[in-house]
Amino acid sequence: MADKGWDVASLAHDLHTGITPEGDTFGESMGEVVLYGTSFLTEADRTAIATYLMDKHEGG
């Protein structure tokens, strides 16, 4: 994911705003996840989720 501009900080930010590193927006169901869910989480919780997802994607 890092090769596509994703890292823990940007993914955590994207889970708050719904805007990707390329400036696009999450669509469809992921947009709803952000709008009705992850945008209400604390920054620490979004960072924890992003860390978990990045670790899983990197094979950790």
PDB file of N, CA and C in Angstrom:
ATOM      1  N   MET A   1       0.806  -1.191   0.000  1.00  0.00           N
ATOM      2  CA  MET A   1       0.000   0.000   0.000  1.00  0.00           C
ATOM      3  C   MET A   1       0.853   1.261   0.000  1.00  0.00           C
ATOM      4  N   ALA A   2       2.018   1.162   0.610  1.00  0.00           N
ATOM      5  CA  ALA A   2       2.887   2.344   0.678  1.00  0.00           C
ATOM      6  C   ALA A   2       3.293   2.814  -0.711  1.00  0.00           C
ATOM      7  N   ASP A   3       3.398   1.883  -1.654  1.00  0.00           N
ATOM      8  CA  ASP A   3       3.788   2.269  -3.005  1.00  0.00           C
ATOM      9  C   ASP A   3       2.688   3.038  -3.720  1.00  0.00           C
ATOM     10  N   LYS A   4       1.497   3.070  -3.167  1.00  0.00           N
ATOM     11  CA  LYS A   4       0.386   3.823  -3.750  1.00  0.00           C
ATOM     12  C   LYS A   4       0.073   5.080  -2.943  1.00  0.00           C
ATOM     13  N   GLY A   5       1.009   5.506  -2.090  1.00  0.00           N
ATOM     14  CA  GLY A   5       0.834   6.722  -1.312  1.00  0.00           C
ATOM     15  C   GLY A   5       0.193   6.513   0.040  1.00  0.00           C
ATOM     16  N   TRP A   6      -0.042   5.272   0.412  1.00  0.00           N
ATOM     17  CA  TRP A   6      -0.665   4.980   1.695  1.00  0.00           C
ATOM     18  C   TRP A   6       0.389   4.710   2.747  1.00  0.00           C
ATOM     19  N   ASP A   7       0.200   5.278   3.914  1.00  0.00           N
ATOM     20  CA  ASP A   7       0.965   4.928   5.100  1.00  0.00           C
ATOM     21  C   ASP A   7      -0.007   5.055   6.270  1.00  0.00           C
ATOM     22  N   VAL A   8       0.436   4.730   7.456  1.00  0.00           N
ATOM     23  CA  VAL A   8      -0.468   4.739   8.602  1.00  0.00           C
ATOM     24  C   VAL A   8      -1.107   6.116   8.789  1.00  0.00           C
ATOM     25  N   ALA A   9      -0.301   7.156   8.733  1.00  0.00           N
ATOM     26  CA  ALA A   9      -0.829   8.508   8.960  1.00  0.00           C
ATOM     27  C   ALA A   9      -1.861   8.904   7.902  1.00  0.00           C
ATOM     28  N   SER A  10      -1.564   8.623   6.631  1.00  0.00           N
ATOM     29  CA  SER A  10      -2.509   9.022   5.584  1.00  0.00           C
ATOM     30  C   SER A  10      -3.775   8.170   5.635  1.00  0.00           C
ATOM     31  N   LEU A  11      -3.652   6.881   5.932  1.00  0.00           N
ATOM     32  CA  LEU A  11      -4.839   6.039   6.033  1.00  0.00           C
ATOM     33  C   LEU A  11      -5.706   6.465   7.212  1.00  0.00           C
ATOM     34  N   ALA A  12      -5.100   6.787   8.342  1.00  0.00           N
ATOM     35  CA  ALA A  12      -5.867   7.265   9.493  1.00  0.00           C
ATOM     36  C   ALA A  12      -6.597   8.562   9.140  1.00  0.00           C
ATOM     37  N   HIS A  13      -5.907   9.438   8.436  1.00  0.00           N
ATOM     38  CA  HIS A  13      -6.529  10.700   8.001  1.00  0.00           C
ATOM     39  C   HIS A  13      -7.678  10.420   7.032  1.00  0.00           C
ATOM     40  N   ASP A  14      -7.460   9.486   6.123  1.00  0.00           N
ATOM     41  CA  ASP A  14      -8.488   9.150   5.144  1.00  0.00           C
ATOM     42  C   ASP A  14      -9.719   8.535   5.803  1.00  0.00           C
ATOM     43  N   LEU A  15      -9.521   7.798   6.887  1.00  0.00           N
ATOM     44  CA  LEU A  15     -10.657   7.228   7.620  1.00  0.00           C
ATOM     45  C   LEU A  15     -11.462   8.314   8.329  1.00  0.00           C
ATOM     46  N   HIS A  16     -10.864   9.480   8.475  1.00  0.00           N
ATOM     47  CA  HIS A  16     -11.573  10.619   9.068  1.00  0.00           C
ATOM     48  C   HIS A  16     -12.250  11.470   7.997  1.00  0.00           C
ATOM     49  N   THR A  17     -11.564  11.690   6.876  1.00  0.00           N
ATOM     50  CA  THR A  17     -12.069  12.612   5.855  1.00  0.00           C
ATOM     51  C   THR A  17     -12.732  11.927   4.659  1.00  0.00           C
ATOM     52  N   GLY A  18     -12.309  10.691   4.361  1.00  0.00           N
ATOM     53  CA  GLY A  18     -12.814  10.008   3.173  1.00  0.00           C
ATOM     54  C   GLY A  18     -12.090  10.403   1.899  1.00  0.00           C
ATOM     55  N   ILE A  19     -10.980  11.130   2.036  1.00  0.00           N
ATOM     56  CA  ILE A  19     -10.222  11.586   0.872  1.00  0.00           C
ATOM     57  C   ILE A  19      -8.918  10.789   0.791  1.00  0.00           C
ATOM     58  N   THR A  20      -8.643  10.211  -0.381  1.00  0.00           N
ATOM     59  CA  THR A  20      -7.475   9.364  -0.581  1.00  0.00           C
ATOM     60  C   THR A  20      -6.220  10.208  -0.812  1.00  0.00           C
ATOM     61  N   PRO A  21      -5.017   9.587  -0.772  1.00  0.00           N
ATOM     62  CA  PRO A  21      -3.783  10.342  -1.030  1.00  0.00           C
ATOM     63  C   PRO A  21      -3.756  11.014  -2.399  1.00  0.00           C
ATOM     64  N   GLU A  22      -4.498  10.467  -3.360  1.00  0.00           N
ATOM     65  CA  GLU A  22      -4.536  11.057  -4.699  1.00  0.00           C
ATOM     66  C   GLU A  22      -5.536  12.204  -4.812  1.00  0.00           C
ATOM     67  N   GLY A  23      -6.276  12.486  -3.735  1.00  0.00           N
ATOM     68  CA  GLY A  23      -7.263  13.552  -3.750  1.00  0.00           C
ATOM     69  C   GLY A  23      -8.646  13.088  -4.162  1.00  0.00           C
ATOM     70  N   ASP A  24      -8.800  11.795  -4.397  1.00  0.00           N
ATOM     71  CA  ASP A  24     -10.102  11.222  -4.736  1.00  0.00           C
ATOM     72  C   ASP A  24     -10.866  10.974  -3.438  1.00  0.00           C
ATOM     73  N   THR A  25     -12.128  10.642  -3.541  1.00  0.00           N
ATOM     74  CA  THR A  25     -12.912  10.334  -2.350  1.00  0.00           C
ATOM     75  C   THR A  25     -13.321   8.873  -2.350  1.00  0.00           C
ATOM     76  N   PHE A  26     -13.489   8.339  -1.149  1.00  0.00           N
ATOM     77  CA  PHE A  26     -14.017   6.987  -1.039  1.00  0.00           C
ATOM     78  C   PHE A  26     -15.436   6.993  -1.582  1.00  0.00           C
ATOM     79  N   GLY A  27     -15.804   5.953  -2.281  1.00  0.00           N
ATOM     80  CA  GLY A  27     -17.142   5.882  -2.832  1.00  0.00           C
ATOM     81  C   GLY A  27     -17.946   4.746  -2.248  1.00  0.00           C
ATOM     82  N   GLU A  28     -19.212   4.725  -2.637  1.00  0.00           N
ATOM     83  CA  GLU A  28     -20.108   3.626  -2.298  1.00  0.00           C
ATOM     84  C   GLU A  28     -20.069   3.287  -0.810  1.00  0.00           C
ATOM     85  N   SER A  29     -19.921   2.012  -0.500  1.00  0.00           N
ATOM     86  CA  SER A  29     -20.044   1.567   0.890  1.00  0.00           C
ATOM     87  C   SER A  29     -18.898   2.080   1.766  1.00  0.00           C
ATOM     88  N   MET A  30     -17.690   2.238   1.212  1.00  0.00           N
ATOM     89  CA  MET A  30     -16.593   2.750   2.033  1.00  0.00           C
ATOM     90  C   MET A  30     -16.837   4.211   2.394  1.00  0.00           C
ATOM     91  N   GLY A  31     -17.449   4.951   1.509  1.00  0.00           N
ATOM     92  CA  GLY A  31     -17.833   6.321   1.825  1.00  0.00           C
ATOM     93  C   GLY A  31     -18.813   6.369   2.980  1.00  0.00           C
ATOM     94  N   GLU A  32     -19.742   5.416   3.012  1.00  0.00           N
ATOM     95  CA  GLU A  32     -20.700   5.332   4.114  1.00  0.00           C
ATOM     96  C   GLU A  32     -20.015   4.940   5.421  1.00  0.00           C
ATOM     97  N   VAL A  33     -19.017   4.056   5.331  1.00  0.00           N
ATOM     98  CA  VAL A  33     -18.264   3.668   6.529  1.00  0.00           C
ATOM     99  C   VAL A  33     -17.633   4.904   7.162  1.00  0.00           C
ATOM    100  N   VAL A  34     -17.035   5.760   6.335  1.00  0.00           N
ATOM    101  CA  VAL A  34     -16.408   6.976   6.847  1.00  0.00           C
ATOM    102  C   VAL A  34     -17.471   7.942   7.354  1.00  0.00           C
ATOM    103  N   LEU A  35     -18.493   8.182   6.556  1.00  0.00           N
ATOM    104  CA  LEU A  35     -19.526   9.162   6.904  1.00  0.00           C
ATOM    105  C   LEU A  35     -20.245   8.816   8.199  1.00  0.00           C
ATOM    106  N   TYR A  36     -20.588   7.555   8.371  1.00  0.00           N
ATOM    107  CA  TYR A  36     -21.392   7.150   9.522  1.00  0.00           C
ATOM    108  C   TYR A  36     -20.605   6.418  10.609  1.00  0.00           C
ATOM    109  N   GLY A  37     -19.313   6.209  10.388  1.00  0.00           N
ATOM    110  CA  GLY A  37     -18.567   5.416  11.351  1.00  0.00           C
ATOM    111  C   GLY A  37     -17.226   5.999  11.730  1.00  0.00           C
ATOM    112  N   THR A  38     -16.225   5.771  10.883  1.00  0.00           N
ATOM    113  CA  THR A  38     -14.856   6.084  11.271  1.00  0.00           C
ATOM    114  C   THR A  38     -14.598   7.578  11.469  1.00  0.00           C
ATOM    115  N   SER A  39     -15.398   8.429  10.870  1.00  0.00           N
ATOM    116  CA  SER A  39     -15.192   9.869  11.067  1.00  0.00           C
ATOM    117  C   SER A  39     -15.501  10.289  12.506  1.00  0.00           C
ATOM    118  N   PHE A  40     -16.229   9.456  13.244  1.00  0.00           N
ATOM    119  CA  PHE A  40     -16.579   9.765  14.627  1.00  0.00           C
ATOM    120  C   PHE A  40     -15.606   9.170  15.638  1.00  0.00           C
ATOM    121  N   LEU A  41     -14.680   8.346  15.177  1.00  0.00           N
ATOM    122  CA  LEU A  41     -13.705   7.731  16.072  1.00  0.00           C
ATOM    123  C   LEU A  41     -12.658   8.751  16.508  1.00  0.00           C
ATOM    124  N   THR A  42     -11.964   8.432  17.582  1.00  0.00           N
ATOM    125  CA  THR A  42     -10.865   9.298  18.003  1.00  0.00           C
ATOM    126  C   THR A  42      -9.696   9.112  17.036  1.00  0.00           C
ATOM    127  N   GLU A  43      -8.798  10.064  17.043  1.00  0.00           N
ATOM    128  CA  GLU A  43      -7.610   9.961  16.201  1.00  0.00           C
ATOM    129  C   GLU A  43      -6.808   8.712  16.572  1.00  0.00           C
ATOM    130  N   ALA A  44      -6.728   8.426  17.857  1.00  0.00           N
ATOM    131  CA  ALA A  44      -5.989   7.241  18.317  1.00  0.00           C
ATOM    132  C   ALA A  44      -6.624   5.957  17.784  1.00  0.00           C
ATOM    133  N   ASP A  45      -7.944   5.896  17.777  1.00  0.00           N
ATOM    134  CA  ASP A  45      -8.624   4.705  17.266  1.00  0.00           C
ATOM    135  C   ASP A  45      -8.421   4.547  15.768  1.00  0.00           C
ATOM    136  N   ARG A  46      -8.501   5.654  15.018  1.00  0.00           N
ATOM    137  CA  ARG A  46      -8.269   5.578  13.575  1.00  0.00           C
ATOM    138  C   ARG A  46      -6.828   5.168  13.276  1.00  0.00           C
ATOM    139  N   THR A  47      -5.889   5.659  14.060  1.00  0.00           N
ATOM    140  CA  THR A  47      -4.492   5.279  13.882  1.00  0.00           C
ATOM    141  C   THR A  47      -4.303   3.797  14.183  1.00  0.00           C
ATOM    142  N   ALA A  48      -4.962   3.295  15.208  1.00  0.00           N
ATOM    143  CA  ALA A  48      -4.867   1.868  15.531  1.00  0.00           C
ATOM    144  C   ALA A  48      -5.423   1.006  14.401  1.00  0.00           C
ATOM    145  N   ILE A  49      -6.548   1.411  13.829  1.00  0.00           N
ATOM    146  CA  ILE A  49      -7.136   0.674  12.706  1.00  0.00           C
ATOM    147  C   ILE A  49      -6.194   0.716  11.507  1.00  0.00           C
ATOM    148  N   ALA A  50      -5.668   1.887  11.206  1.00  0.00           N
ATOM    149  CA  ALA A  50      -4.757   2.035  10.065  1.00  0.00           C
ATOM    150  C   ALA A  50      -3.495   1.204  10.265  1.00  0.00           C
ATOM    151  N   THR A  51      -2.969   1.181  11.472  1.00  0.00           N
ATOM    152  CA  THR A  51      -1.783   0.379  11.771  1.00  0.00           C
ATOM    153  C   THR A  51      -2.078  -1.092  11.535  1.00  0.00           C
ATOM    154  N   TYR A  52      -3.210  -1.559  12.018  1.00  0.00           N
ATOM    155  CA  TYR A  52      -3.609  -2.953  11.828  1.00  0.00           C
ATOM    156  C   TYR A  52      -3.747  -3.279  10.337  1.00  0.00           C
ATOM    157  N   LEU A  53      -4.435  -2.436   9.595  1.00  0.00           N
ATOM    158  CA  LEU A  53      -4.652  -2.693   8.170  1.00  0.00           C
ATOM    159  C   LEU A  53      -3.341  -2.670   7.388  1.00  0.00           C
ATOM    160  N   MET A  54      -2.478  -1.722   7.692  1.00  0.00           N
ATOM    161  CA  MET A  54      -1.191  -1.661   6.994  1.00  0.00           C
ATOM    162  C   MET A  54      -0.331  -2.873   7.324  1.00  0.00           C
ATOM    163  N   ASP A  55      -0.370  -3.311   8.583  1.00  0.00           N
ATOM    164  CA  ASP A  55       0.400  -4.484   8.990  1.00  0.00           C
ATOM    165  C   ASP A  55      -0.106  -5.730   8.275  1.00  0.00           C
ATOM    166  N   LYS A  56      -1.422  -5.886   8.164  1.00  0.00           N
ATOM    167  CA  LYS A  56      -2.005  -7.023   7.482  1.00  0.00           C
ATOM    168  C   LYS A  56      -1.671  -7.007   6.004  1.00  0.00           C
ATOM    169  N   HIS A  57      -1.685  -5.824   5.397  1.00  0.00           N
ATOM    170  CA  HIS A  57      -1.398  -5.711   3.967  1.00  0.00           C
ATOM    171  C   HIS A  57       0.066  -6.014   3.679  1.00  0.00           C
ATOM    172  N   GLU A  58       0.937  -5.628   4.588  1.00  0.00           N
ATOM    173  CA  GLU A  58       2.374  -5.843   4.397  1.00  0.00           C
ATOM    174  C   GLU A  58       2.784  -7.261   4.760  1.00  0.00           C
ATOM    175  N   GLY A  59       1.820  -8.073   5.188  1.00  0.00           N
ATOM    176  CA  GLY A  59       2.119  -9.459   5.503  1.00  0.00           C
ATOM    177  C   GLY A  59       2.501  -9.719   6.947  1.00  0.00           C
ATOM    178  N   GLY A  60       2.218  -8.751   7.824  1.00  0.00           N
ATOM    179  CA  GLY A  60       2.591  -8.893   9.234  1.00  0.00           C
ATOM    180  C   GLY A  60       1.611  -9.667  10.056  1.00  0.00           C
TER     181      GLY A  60
END
